[in-house]
Amino acid sequence: GTSICDLMDELHGRRKVVVVDAVRGGQKPGTLFRFSPEDVASEAVPADSLHQVGLLETLRLAELVDCRPEQVVIIGAQPYDTGFGVGLTDAVEAVVPRAVEMVRKEIDGFHAD
């Protein structure tokens, strides 16, 4: 339920941003995805985040006002259901450690550059 536009100030001055979210990619629940906004914009990745439109629009706006991060990566998990509810399903909870590792690799790889 978080609007990425509310995070515009947080984007300013960042070199890299890693977004973690639910992503509807047509796969089985718990499937993990890694992609960039450019992948989605070019339709190279058939994925649909619950905040995708807001995220892409926010990044375009950030570019216009010169505060877009150099790199944005999305790490997403295929949810079982995107209806109202609290908590993670077993399938998604089971991949949280792998998702955390993916985020760590993004951070470690960026520091190595």
Protein backbone atom coordinates (compact mmCIF):
# COMPACT_ATOMS: atom_id res chain seq x y z
CA GLY A 1 0.00 0.00 0.00
CA THR A 2 3.01 2.32 -0.23
CA SER A 3 3.02 4.91 -2.99
CA ILE A 4 6.50 5.09 -4.50
CA CYS A 5 5.85 8.79 -5.21
CA ASP A 6 5.97 9.31 -1.45
CA LEU A 7 9.59 8.13 -1.58
CA MET A 8 10.77 10.70 -4.16
CA ASP A 9 12.96 12.45 -1.56
CA GLU A 10 14.59 9.11 -0.76
CA LEU A 11 15.58 8.65 -4.42
CA HIS A 12 17.44 11.94 -4.57
CA GLY A 13 21.19 11.49 -4.32
CA ARG A 14 21.10 7.68 -4.45
CA ARG A 15 23.39 5.82 -6.81
CA LYS A 16 21.46 2.55 -6.65
CA VAL A 17 17.98 1.64 -5.42
CA VAL A 18 16.77 -1.93 -4.89
CA VAL A 19 12.98 -2.27 -4.80
CA VAL A 20 11.50 -5.39 -3.20
CA ASP A 21 7.87 -6.08 -4.02
CA ALA A 22 5.23 -8.59 -5.08
CA VAL A 23 5.37 -9.13 -8.84
CA ARG A 24 2.70 -10.85 -10.93
CA GLY A 25 4.77 -12.61 -13.56
CA GLY A 26 2.46 -15.52 -14.35
CA GLN A 27 4.62 -18.06 -12.53
CA LYS A 28 3.97 -20.27 -9.52
CA PRO A 29 3.76 -18.53 -6.12
CA GLY A 30 7.19 -17.94 -4.63
CA THR A 31 8.96 -17.52 -7.97
CA LEU A 32 11.57 -14.77 -7.69
CA PHE A 33 12.26 -12.17 -10.37
CA ARG A 34 15.10 -9.70 -10.90
CA PHE A 35 14.72 -6.96 -13.49
CA SER A 36 15.15 -3.26 -14.14
CA PRO A 37 12.52 -0.65 -15.01
CA GLU A 38 14.04 -0.55 -18.49
CA ASP A 39 13.27 -4.27 -18.89
CA VAL A 40 9.61 -3.62 -18.07
CA ALA A 41 9.43 -0.48 -20.19
CA SER A 42 10.77 -2.41 -23.17
CA GLU A 43 8.44 -5.32 -22.36
CA ALA A 44 11.43 -7.68 -22.18
CA VAL A 45 10.04 -9.00 -18.88
CA PRO A 46 6.35 -9.99 -18.81
CA ALA A 47 5.92 -8.98 -15.17
CA ASP A 48 3.41 -6.78 -13.44
CA SER A 49 4.14 -5.33 -10.01
CA LEU A 50 1.37 -4.02 -7.81
CA HIS A 51 3.23 -0.67 -7.87
CA GLN A 52 4.82 -0.95 -11.32
CA VAL A 53 3.02 1.97 -12.95
CA GLY A 54 3.67 4.17 -9.95
CA LEU A 55 7.32 3.11 -9.85
CA LEU A 56 7.94 3.70 -13.56
CA GLU A 57 6.14 7.04 -13.53
CA THR A 58 8.04 8.10 -10.41
CA LEU A 59 11.38 7.21 -12.00
CA ARG A 60 10.47 9.20 -15.11
CA LEU A 61 9.52 12.15 -12.93
CA ALA A 62 12.75 11.75 -10.94
CA GLU A 63 14.67 11.91 -14.21
CA LEU A 64 12.89 15.13 -15.17
CA VAL A 65 13.87 16.79 -11.89
CA ASP A 66 17.37 15.30 -12.00
CA CYS A 67 17.12 13.04 -8.95
CA ARG A 68 16.82 9.58 -10.55
CA PRO A 69 19.24 7.00 -9.13
CA GLU A 70 21.94 5.74 -11.51
CA GLN A 71 20.60 2.20 -11.24
CA VAL A 72 17.29 0.68 -10.12
CA VAL A 73 16.77 -3.04 -9.67
CA ILE A 74 13.50 -4.75 -8.75
CA ILE A 75 13.54 -8.01 -6.80
CA GLY A 76 10.03 -9.45 -6.79
CA ALA A 77 8.22 -12.55 -5.63
CA GLN A 78 5.19 -14.03 -7.37
CA PRO A 79 2.36 -13.87 -4.81
CA TYR A 80 -0.38 -16.45 -4.45
CA ASP A 81 -3.02 -13.75 -4.18
CA THR A 82 -2.96 -9.96 -4.42
CA GLY A 83 -6.20 -9.42 -2.53
CA PHE A 84 -6.53 -7.81 0.84
CA GLY A 85 -4.66 -9.55 3.61
CA VAL A 86 -1.73 -9.39 5.96
CA GLY A 87 1.36 -11.56 5.94
CA LEU A 88 3.05 -13.87 3.49
CA THR A 89 1.87 -17.18 2.13
CA ASP A 90 4.04 -20.22 2.86
CA ALA A 91 5.36 -20.22 -0.73
CA VAL A 92 6.52 -16.61 -0.52
CA GLU A 93 7.81 -16.90 3.03
CA ALA A 94 9.94 -19.86 1.93
CA VAL A 95 11.83 -17.72 -0.62
CA VAL A 96 12.49 -14.74 1.65
CA PRO A 97 16.03 -15.94 2.52
CA ARG A 98 16.83 -16.26 -1.20
CA ALA A 99 15.38 -12.81 -1.89
CA VAL A 100 17.50 -11.36 0.92
CA GLU A 101 20.56 -12.97 -0.64
CA MET A 102 19.66 -11.44 -4.02
CA VAL A 103 19.44 -8.00 -2.41
CA ARG A 104 22.79 -8.52 -0.66
CA LYS A 105 24.42 -9.45 -3.98
CA GLU A 106 23.03 -6.27 -5.54
CA ILE A 107 24.49 -4.18 -2.72
CA ASP A 108 27.83 -6.02 -2.60
CA GLY A 109 28.19 -5.93 -6.38
CA PHE A 110 27.51 -2.22 -6.47
CA HIS A 111 30.14 -1.47 -3.79
CA ALA A 112 32.67 -3.47 -5.81
CA ASP A 113 32.19 -1.20 -8.86
